[in-house]
Amino acid sequence: MVQCKNWKEYQSMNGWITFCSAGAYGRRLTVVEARSCGCTELQRQKCKKLMESNVGFGLVPDIYEEALVEEKQKGLEPLVTRR
């Protein structure tokens, strides 16, 4: 279905479980990390729709600009999620 290292799917007693492990565990991706695994805005919409249809809800990871991540790591400014 989805070709991504964060995409997990398995068969349970109640049917298929499909989810994005990055979104499910609250992982934040930089723009470069998102590009490397194919996590584009369009793909995120598709993944969320698949999760909602199979599980009932969907979580996708937050994407951050690298400058914000670097500033947070240096302790300069708080990290704000994109809304």
PDB file of N, CA and C in Angstrom:
ATOM      1  N   MET A   1       0.810  -1.197   0.000  1.00  0.00           N
ATOM      2  CA  MET A   1       0.000   0.000   0.000  1.00  0.00           C
ATOM      3  C   MET A   1       0.856   1.264   0.000  1.00  0.00           C
ATOM      4  N   VAL A   2       1.452   1.566   1.150  1.00  0.00           N
ATOM      5  CA  VAL A   2       2.266   2.773   1.284  1.00  0.00           C
ATOM      6  C   VAL A   2       3.720   2.346   1.416  1.00  0.00           C
ATOM      7  N   GLN A   3       4.584   2.923   0.623  1.00  0.00           N
ATOM      8  CA  GLN A   3       6.007   2.608   0.668  1.00  0.00           C
ATOM      9  C   GLN A   3       6.726   3.637   1.540  1.00  0.00           C
ATOM     10  N   CYS A   4       6.837   3.358   2.815  1.00  0.00           N
ATOM     11  CA  CYS A   4       7.456   4.286   3.759  1.00  0.00           C
ATOM     12  C   CYS A   4       7.982   3.482   4.938  1.00  0.00           C
ATOM     13  N   LYS A   5       9.130   3.874   5.466  1.00  0.00           N
ATOM     14  CA  LYS A   5       9.695   3.135   6.602  1.00  0.00           C
ATOM     15  C   LYS A   5       8.862   3.319   7.867  1.00  0.00           C
ATOM     16  N   ASN A   6       8.030   4.351   7.931  1.00  0.00           N
ATOM     17  CA  ASN A   6       7.197   4.594   9.100  1.00  0.00           C
ATOM     18  C   ASN A   6       5.820   3.937   9.007  1.00  0.00           C
ATOM     19  N   TRP A   7       5.456   3.403   7.853  1.00  0.00           N
ATOM     20  CA  TRP A   7       4.137   2.813   7.647  1.00  0.00           C
ATOM     21  C   TRP A   7       4.122   1.380   8.158  1.00  0.00           C
ATOM     22  N   LYS A   8       3.178   1.071   9.016  1.00  0.00           N
ATOM     23  CA  LYS A   8       3.045  -0.273   9.582  1.00  0.00           C
ATOM     24  C   LYS A   8       1.660  -0.802   9.254  1.00  0.00           C
ATOM     25  N   GLU A   9       1.600  -2.065   8.916  1.00  0.00           N
ATOM     26  CA  GLU A   9       0.314  -2.708   8.680  1.00  0.00           C
ATOM     27  C   GLU A   9       0.420  -4.174   9.071  1.00  0.00           C
ATOM     28  N   TYR A  10      -0.630  -4.658   9.703  1.00  0.00           N
ATOM     29  CA  TYR A  10      -0.678  -6.057  10.085  1.00  0.00           C
ATOM     30  C   TYR A  10      -2.127  -6.507  10.242  1.00  0.00           C
ATOM     31  N   GLN A  11      -2.315  -7.800  10.189  1.00  0.00           N
ATOM     32  CA  GLN A  11      -3.637  -8.400  10.310  1.00  0.00           C
ATOM     33  C   GLN A  11      -3.919  -8.692  11.776  1.00  0.00           C
ATOM     34  N   SER A  12      -5.058  -8.232  12.263  1.00  0.00           N
ATOM     35  CA  SER A  12      -5.470  -8.545  13.636  1.00  0.00           C
ATOM     36  C   SER A  12      -6.738  -9.387  13.577  1.00  0.00           C
ATOM     37  N   MET A  13      -7.238  -9.750  14.722  1.00  0.00           N
ATOM     38  CA  MET A  13      -8.470 -10.550  14.761  1.00  0.00           C
ATOM     39  C   MET A  13      -9.652  -9.787  14.178  1.00  0.00           C
ATOM     40  N   ASN A  14      -9.613  -8.462  14.248  1.00  0.00           N
ATOM     41  CA  ASN A  14     -10.720  -7.637  13.770  1.00  0.00           C
ATOM     42  C   ASN A  14     -10.470  -7.035  12.391  1.00  0.00           C
ATOM     43  N   GLY A  15      -9.434  -7.454  11.713  1.00  0.00           N
ATOM     44  CA  GLY A  15      -9.133  -6.929  10.381  1.00  0.00           C
ATOM     45  C   GLY A  15      -7.768  -6.281  10.336  1.00  0.00           C
ATOM     46  N   TRP A  16      -7.516  -5.565   9.273  1.00  0.00           N
ATOM     47  CA  TRP A  16      -6.215  -4.941   9.069  1.00  0.00           C
ATOM     48  C   TRP A  16      -6.039  -3.708   9.950  1.00  0.00           C
ATOM     49  N   ILE A  17      -4.843  -3.580  10.507  1.00  0.00           N
ATOM     50  CA  ILE A  17      -4.437  -2.392  11.246  1.00  0.00           C
ATOM     51  C   ILE A  17      -3.364  -1.714  10.399  1.00  0.00           C
ATOM     52  N   THR A  18      -3.573  -0.457  10.039  1.00  0.00           N
ATOM     53  CA  THR A  18      -2.599   0.294   9.255  1.00  0.00           C
ATOM     54  C   THR A  18      -2.397   1.646   9.924  1.00  0.00           C
ATOM     55  N   PHE A  19      -1.127   2.019  10.097  1.00  0.00           N
ATOM     56  CA  PHE A  19      -0.863   3.305  10.734  1.00  0.00           C
ATOM     57  C   PHE A  19       0.538   3.801  10.429  1.00  0.00           C
ATOM     58  N   CYS A  20       0.726   5.083  10.639  1.00  0.00           N
ATOM     59  CA  CYS A  20       2.036   5.717  10.499  1.00  0.00           C
ATOM     60  C   CYS A  20       2.666   5.731  11.884  1.00  0.00           C
ATOM     61  N   SER A  21       3.754   5.003  12.061  1.00  0.00           N
ATOM     62  CA  SER A  21       4.377   4.925  13.387  1.00  0.00           C
ATOM     63  C   SER A  21       4.951   6.274  13.817  1.00  0.00           C
ATOM     64  N   ALA A  22       5.399   7.086  12.876  1.00  0.00           N
ATOM     65  CA  ALA A  22       5.921   8.413  13.226  1.00  0.00           C
ATOM     66  C   ALA A  22       4.818   9.283  13.816  1.00  0.00           C
ATOM     67  N   GLY A  23       3.646   9.254  13.220  1.00  0.00           N
ATOM     68  CA  GLY A  23       2.520  10.026  13.735  1.00  0.00           C
ATOM     69  C   GLY A  23       1.980   9.445  15.031  1.00  0.00           C
ATOM     70  N   ALA A  24       1.888   8.122  15.090  1.00  0.00           N
ATOM     71  CA  ALA A  24       1.327   7.457  16.269  1.00  0.00           C
ATOM     72  C   ALA A  24       2.167   7.692  17.520  1.00  0.00           C
ATOM     73  N   TYR A  25       3.478   7.768  17.366  1.00  0.00           N
ATOM     74  CA  TYR A  25       4.356   7.948  18.517  1.00  0.00           C
ATOM     75  C   TYR A  25       4.827   9.390  18.682  1.00  0.00           C
ATOM     76  N   GLY A  26       4.175  10.319  17.966  1.00  0.00           N
ATOM     77  CA  GLY A  26       4.460  11.740  18.147  1.00  0.00           C
ATOM     78  C   GLY A  26       5.818  12.185  17.637  1.00  0.00           C
ATOM     79  N   ARG A  27       6.356  11.494  16.663  1.00  0.00           N
ATOM     80  CA  ARG A  27       7.659  11.864  16.109  1.00  0.00           C
ATOM     81  C   ARG A  27       7.535  13.114  15.253  1.00  0.00           C
ATOM     82  N   ARG A  28       8.516  13.979  15.326  1.00  0.00           N
ATOM     83  CA  ARG A  28       8.547  15.195  14.510  1.00  0.00           C
ATOM     84  C   ARG A  28       9.627  15.030  13.452  1.00  0.00           C
ATOM     85  N   LEU A  29       9.276  15.320  12.220  1.00  0.00           N
ATOM     86  CA  LEU A  29      10.212  15.180  11.114  1.00  0.00           C
ATOM     87  C   LEU A  29      10.641  16.543  10.607  1.00  0.00           C
ATOM     88  N   THR A  30      11.919  16.655  10.257  1.00  0.00           N
ATOM     89  CA  THR A  30      12.368  17.864   9.575  1.00  0.00           C
ATOM     90  C   THR A  30      11.952  17.733   8.115  1.00  0.00           C
ATOM     91  N   VAL A  31      12.079  18.812   7.380  1.00  0.00           N
ATOM     92  CA  VAL A  31      11.714  18.802   5.964  1.00  0.00           C
ATOM     93  C   VAL A  31      12.542  17.770   5.213  1.00  0.00           C
ATOM     94  N   VAL A  32      13.823  17.679   5.515  1.00  0.00           N
ATOM     95  CA  VAL A  32      14.706  16.723   4.828  1.00  0.00           C
ATOM     96  C   VAL A  32      14.302  15.288   5.153  1.00  0.00           C
ATOM     97  N   GLU A  33      14.010  14.995   6.416  1.00  0.00           N
ATOM     98  CA  GLU A  33      13.572  13.646   6.796  1.00  0.00           C
ATOM     99  C   GLU A  33      12.265  13.286   6.103  1.00  0.00           C
ATOM    100  N   ALA A  34      11.360  14.245   6.046  1.00  0.00           N
ATOM    101  CA  ALA A  34      10.068  13.993   5.398  1.00  0.00           C
ATOM    102  C   ALA A  34      10.250  13.704   3.909  1.00  0.00           C
ATOM    103  N   ARG A  35      11.090  14.482   3.253  1.00  0.00           N
ATOM    104  CA  ARG A  35      11.348  14.251   1.821  1.00  0.00           C
ATOM    105  C   ARG A  35      11.985  12.893   1.591  1.00  0.00           C
ATOM    106  N   SER A  36      12.910  12.503   2.460  1.00  0.00           N
ATOM    107  CA  SER A  36      13.638  11.250   2.255  1.00  0.00           C
ATOM    108  C   SER A  36      12.730  10.027   2.360  1.00  0.00           C
ATOM    109  N   CYS A  37      11.670  10.119   3.136  1.00  0.00           N
ATOM    110  CA  CYS A  37      10.759   8.971   3.245  1.00  0.00           C
ATOM    111  C   CYS A  37       9.487   9.165   2.430  1.00  0.00           C
ATOM    112  N   GLY A  38       9.405  10.254   1.658  1.00  0.00           N
ATOM    113  CA  GLY A  38       8.259  10.480   0.784  1.00  0.00           C
ATOM    114  C   GLY A  38       7.034  11.052   1.485  1.00  0.00           C
ATOM    115  N   CYS A  39       7.245  11.700   2.621  1.00  0.00           N
ATOM    116  CA  CYS A  39       6.144  12.243   3.413  1.00  0.00           C
ATOM    117  C   CYS A  39       5.786  13.654   2.916  1.00  0.00           C
ATOM    118  N   THR A  40       5.205  13.699   1.722  1.00  0.00           N
ATOM    119  CA  THR A  40       4.774  14.974   1.153  1.00  0.00           C
ATOM    120  C   THR A  40       3.368  15.298   1.673  1.00  0.00           C
ATOM    121  N   GLU A  41       2.903  16.495   1.417  1.00  0.00           N
ATOM    122  CA  GLU A  41       1.562  16.888   1.873  1.00  0.00           C
ATOM    123  C   GLU A  41       0.491  15.981   1.253  1.00  0.00           C
ATOM    124  N   LEU A  42       0.642  15.662  -0.027  1.00  0.00           N
ATOM    125  CA  LEU A  42      -0.308  14.776  -0.699  1.00  0.00           C
ATOM    126  C   LEU A  42      -0.266  13.370  -0.094  1.00  0.00           C
ATOM    127  N   GLN A  43       0.941  12.855   0.134  1.00  0.00           N
ATOM    128  CA  GLN A  43       1.069  11.513   0.709  1.00  0.00           C
ATOM    129  C   GLN A  43       0.519  11.475   2.131  1.00  0.00           C
ATOM    130  N   ARG A  44       0.721  12.544   2.889  1.00  0.00           N
ATOM    131  CA  ARG A  44       0.191  12.615   4.250  1.00  0.00           C
ATOM    132  C   ARG A  44      -1.339  12.558   4.234  1.00  0.00           C
ATOM    133  N   GLN A  45      -1.965  13.224   3.273  1.00  0.00           N
ATOM    134  CA  GLN A  45      -3.422  13.175   3.147  1.00  0.00           C
ATOM    135  C   GLN A  45      -3.892  11.760   2.827  1.00  0.00           C
ATOM    136  N   LYS A  46      -3.171  11.082   1.917  1.00  0.00           N
ATOM    137  CA  LYS A  46      -3.525   9.713   1.554  1.00  0.00           C
ATOM    138  C   LYS A  46      -3.373   8.772   2.750  1.00  0.00           C
ATOM    139  N   CYS A  47      -2.272   8.921   3.473  1.00  0.00           N
ATOM    140  CA  CYS A  47      -2.026   8.065   4.635  1.00  0.00           C
ATOM    141  C   CYS A  47      -3.101   8.281   5.698  1.00  0.00           C
ATOM    142  N   LYS A  48      -3.417   9.527   5.950  1.00  0.00           N
ATOM    143  CA  LYS A  48      -4.433   9.833   6.959  1.00  0.00           C
ATOM    144  C   LYS A  48      -5.792   9.256   6.557  1.00  0.00           C
ATOM    145  N   LYS A  49      -6.127   9.349   5.292  1.00  0.00           N
ATOM    146  CA  LYS A  49      -7.402   8.806   4.802  1.00  0.00           C
ATOM    147  C   LYS A  49      -7.435   7.287   4.959  1.00  0.00           C
ATOM    148  N   LEU A  50      -6.320   6.612   4.642  1.00  0.00           N
ATOM    149  CA  LEU A  50      -6.242   5.159   4.812  1.00  0.00           C
ATOM    150  C   LEU A  50      -6.409   4.775   6.277  1.00  0.00           C
ATOM    151  N   MET A  51      -5.735   5.491   7.166  1.00  0.00           N
ATOM    152  CA  MET A  51      -5.840   5.183   8.593  1.00  0.00           C
ATOM    153  C   MET A  51      -7.265   5.406   9.089  1.00  0.00           C
ATOM    154  N   GLU A  52      -7.878   6.494   8.675  1.00  0.00           N
ATOM    155  CA  GLU A  52      -9.242   6.790   9.115  1.00  0.00           C
ATOM    156  C   GLU A  52     -10.232   5.740   8.626  1.00  0.00           C
ATOM    157  N   SER A  53     -10.026   5.230   7.421  1.00  0.00           N
ATOM    158  CA  SER A  53     -10.947   4.229   6.895  1.00  0.00           C
ATOM    159  C   SER A  53     -10.737   2.860   7.550  1.00  0.00           C
ATOM    160  N   ASN A  54      -9.510   2.545   7.952  1.00  0.00           N
ATOM    161  CA  ASN A  54      -9.222   1.237   8.541  1.00  0.00           C
ATOM    162  C   ASN A  54      -9.319   1.209  10.057  1.00  0.00           C
ATOM    163  N   VAL A  55      -8.878   2.257  10.719  1.00  0.00           N
ATOM    164  CA  VAL A  55      -8.806   2.258  12.176  1.00  0.00           C
ATOM    165  C   VAL A  55      -9.842   3.189  12.805  1.00  0.00           C
ATOM    166  N   GLY A  56     -10.255   4.196  12.068  1.00  0.00           N
ATOM    167  CA  GLY A  56     -11.247   5.125  12.594  1.00  0.00           C
ATOM    168  C   GLY A  56     -10.693   6.514  12.863  1.00  0.00           C
ATOM    169  N   PHE A  57      -9.377   6.642  12.932  1.00  0.00           N
ATOM    170  CA  PHE A  57      -8.731   7.942  13.086  1.00  0.00           C
ATOM    171  C   PHE A  57      -7.329   7.839  12.515  1.00  0.00           C
ATOM    172  N   GLY A  58      -6.694   8.973  12.309  1.00  0.00           N
ATOM    173  CA  GLY A  58      -5.354   8.958  11.742  1.00  0.00           C
ATOM    174  C   GLY A  58      -4.487  10.066  12.298  1.00  0.00           C
ATOM    175  N   LEU A  59      -3.231   9.752  12.518  1.00  0.00           N
ATOM    176  CA  LEU A  59      -2.253  10.728  12.990  1.00  0.00           C
ATOM    177  C   LEU A  59      -1.059  10.715  12.049  1.00  0.00           C
ATOM    178  N   VAL A  60      -0.665  11.872  11.595  1.00  0.00           N
ATOM    179  CA  VAL A  60       0.532  11.991  10.763  1.00  0.00           C
ATOM    180  C   VAL A  60       1.550  12.856  11.502  1.00  0.00           C
ATOM    181  N   PRO A  61       2.836  12.679  11.224  1.00  0.00           N
ATOM    182  CA  PRO A  61       3.847  13.449  11.949  1.00  0.00           C
ATOM    183  C   PRO A  61       3.839  14.932  11.590  1.00  0.00           C
ATOM    184  N   ASP A  62       4.252  15.747  12.546  1.00  0.00           N
ATOM    185  CA  ASP A  62       4.433  17.173  12.294  1.00  0.00           C
ATOM    186  C   ASP A  62       5.726  17.369  11.514  1.00  0.00           C
ATOM    187  N   ILE A  63       5.722  18.302  10.571  1.00  0.00           N
ATOM    188  CA  ILE A  63       6.899  18.621   9.772  1.00  0.00           C
ATOM    189  C   ILE A  63       7.400  19.994  10.204  1.00  0.00           C
ATOM    190  N   TYR A  64       8.702  20.092  10.469  1.00  0.00           N
ATOM    191  CA  TYR A  64       9.303  21.332  10.934  1.00  0.00           C
ATOM    192  C   TYR A  64      10.375  21.812   9.970  1.00  0.00           C
ATOM    193  N   GLU A  65      10.531  23.120   9.920  1.00  0.00           N
ATOM    194  CA  GLU A  65      11.645  23.699   9.183  1.00  0.00           C
ATOM    195  C   GLU A  65      12.917  23.401   9.970  1.00  0.00           C
ATOM    196  N   GLU A  66      13.988  23.083   9.273  1.00  0.00           N
ATOM    197  CA  GLU A  66      15.222  22.713   9.960  1.00  0.00           C
ATOM    198  C   GLU A  66      15.777  23.837  10.820  1.00  0.00           C
ATOM    199  N   ALA A  67      15.593  25.082  10.405  1.00  0.00           N
ATOM    200  CA  ALA A  67      16.094  26.208  11.188  1.00  0.00           C
ATOM    201  C   ALA A  67      15.447  26.215  12.563  1.00  0.00           C
ATOM    202  N   LEU A  68      14.161  25.905  12.640  1.00  0.00           N
ATOM    203  CA  LEU A  68      13.476  25.866  13.927  1.00  0.00           C
ATOM    204  C   LEU A  68      14.006  24.744  14.806  1.00  0.00           C
ATOM    205  N   VAL A  69      14.297  23.596  14.195  1.00  0.00           N
ATOM    206  CA  VAL A  69      14.830  22.465  14.949  1.00  0.00           C
ATOM    207  C   VAL A  69      16.216  22.807  15.487  1.00  0.00           C
ATOM    208  N   GLU A  70      17.066  23.404  14.656  1.00  0.00           N
ATOM    209  CA  GLU A  70      18.407  23.785  15.097  1.00  0.00           C
ATOM    210  C   GLU A  70      18.342  24.808  16.224  1.00  0.00           C
ATOM    211  N   GLU A  71      17.437  25.781  16.124  1.00  0.00           N
ATOM    212  CA  GLU A  71      17.298  26.778  17.176  1.00  0.00           C
ATOM    213  C   GLU A  71      16.849  26.131  18.474  1.00  0.00           C
ATOM    214  N   LYS A  72      15.944  25.177  18.391  1.00  0.00           N
ATOM    215  CA  LYS A  72      15.462  24.491  19.584  1.00  0.00           C
ATOM    216  C   LYS A  72      16.586  23.692  20.221  1.00  0.00           C
ATOM    217  N   GLN A  73      17.402  23.033  19.393  1.00  0.00           N
ATOM    218  CA  GLN A  73      18.503  22.244  19.925  1.00  0.00           C
ATOM    219  C   GLN A  73      19.520  23.131  20.624  1.00  0.00           C
ATOM    220  N   LYS A  74      19.694  24.343  20.143  1.00  0.00           N
ATOM    221  CA  LYS A  74      20.619  25.285  20.770  1.00  0.00           C
ATOM    222  C   LYS A  74      19.974  25.989  21.958  1.00  0.00           C
ATOM    223  N   GLY A  75      18.676  25.818  22.141  1.00  0.00           N
ATOM    224  CA  GLY A  75      17.971  26.448  23.240  1.00  0.00           C
ATOM    225  C   GLY A  75      17.686  27.917  23.012  1.00  0.00           C
ATOM    226  N   LEU A  76      17.663  28.355  21.751  1.00  0.00           N
ATOM    227  CA  LEU A  76      17.465  29.764  21.462  1.00  0.00           C
ATOM    228  C   LEU A  76      16.002  30.181  21.486  1.00  0.00           C
ATOM    229  N   GLU A  77      15.139  29.381  20.878  1.00  0.00           N
ATOM    230  CA  GLU A  77      13.730  29.752  20.792  1.00  0.00           C
ATOM    231  C   GLU A  77      12.866  28.504  20.922  1.00  0.00           C
ATOM    232  N   PRO A  78      11.649  28.660  21.405  1.00  0.00           N
ATOM    233  CA  PRO A  78      10.756  27.493  21.500  1.00  0.00           C
ATOM    234  C   PRO A  78      10.350  27.009  20.110  1.00  0.00           C
ATOM    235  N   LEU A  79      10.137  25.723  20.021  1.00  0.00           N
ATOM    236  CA  LEU A  79       9.724  25.102  18.761  1.00  0.00           C
ATOM    237  C   LEU A  79       8.211  25.176  18.634  1.00  0.00           C
ATOM    238  N   VAL A  80       7.733  25.739  17.533  1.00  0.00           N
ATOM    239  CA  VAL A  80       6.306  25.916  17.304  1.00  0.00           C
ATOM    240  C   VAL A  80       5.890  25.006  16.152  1.00  0.00           C
ATOM    241  N   THR A  81       4.831  24.238  16.363  1.00  0.00           N
ATOM    242  CA  THR A  81       4.370  23.343  15.302  1.00  0.00           C
ATOM    243  C   THR A  81       3.645  24.126  14.224  1.00  0.00           C
ATOM    244  N   ARG A  82       3.699  23.612  13.029  1.00  0.00           N
ATOM    245  CA  ARG A  82       2.971  24.198  11.907  1.00  0.00           C
ATOM    246  C   ARG A  82       1.520  23.800  12.036  1.00  0.00           C
ATOM    247  N   ARG A  83       0.620  24.706  11.872  1.00  0.00           N
ATOM    248  CA  ARG A  83      -0.813  24.395  12.011  1.00  0.00           C
ATOM    249  C   ARG A  83      -1.509  24.504  10.698  1.00  0.00           C
TER     250      ARG A  83
END
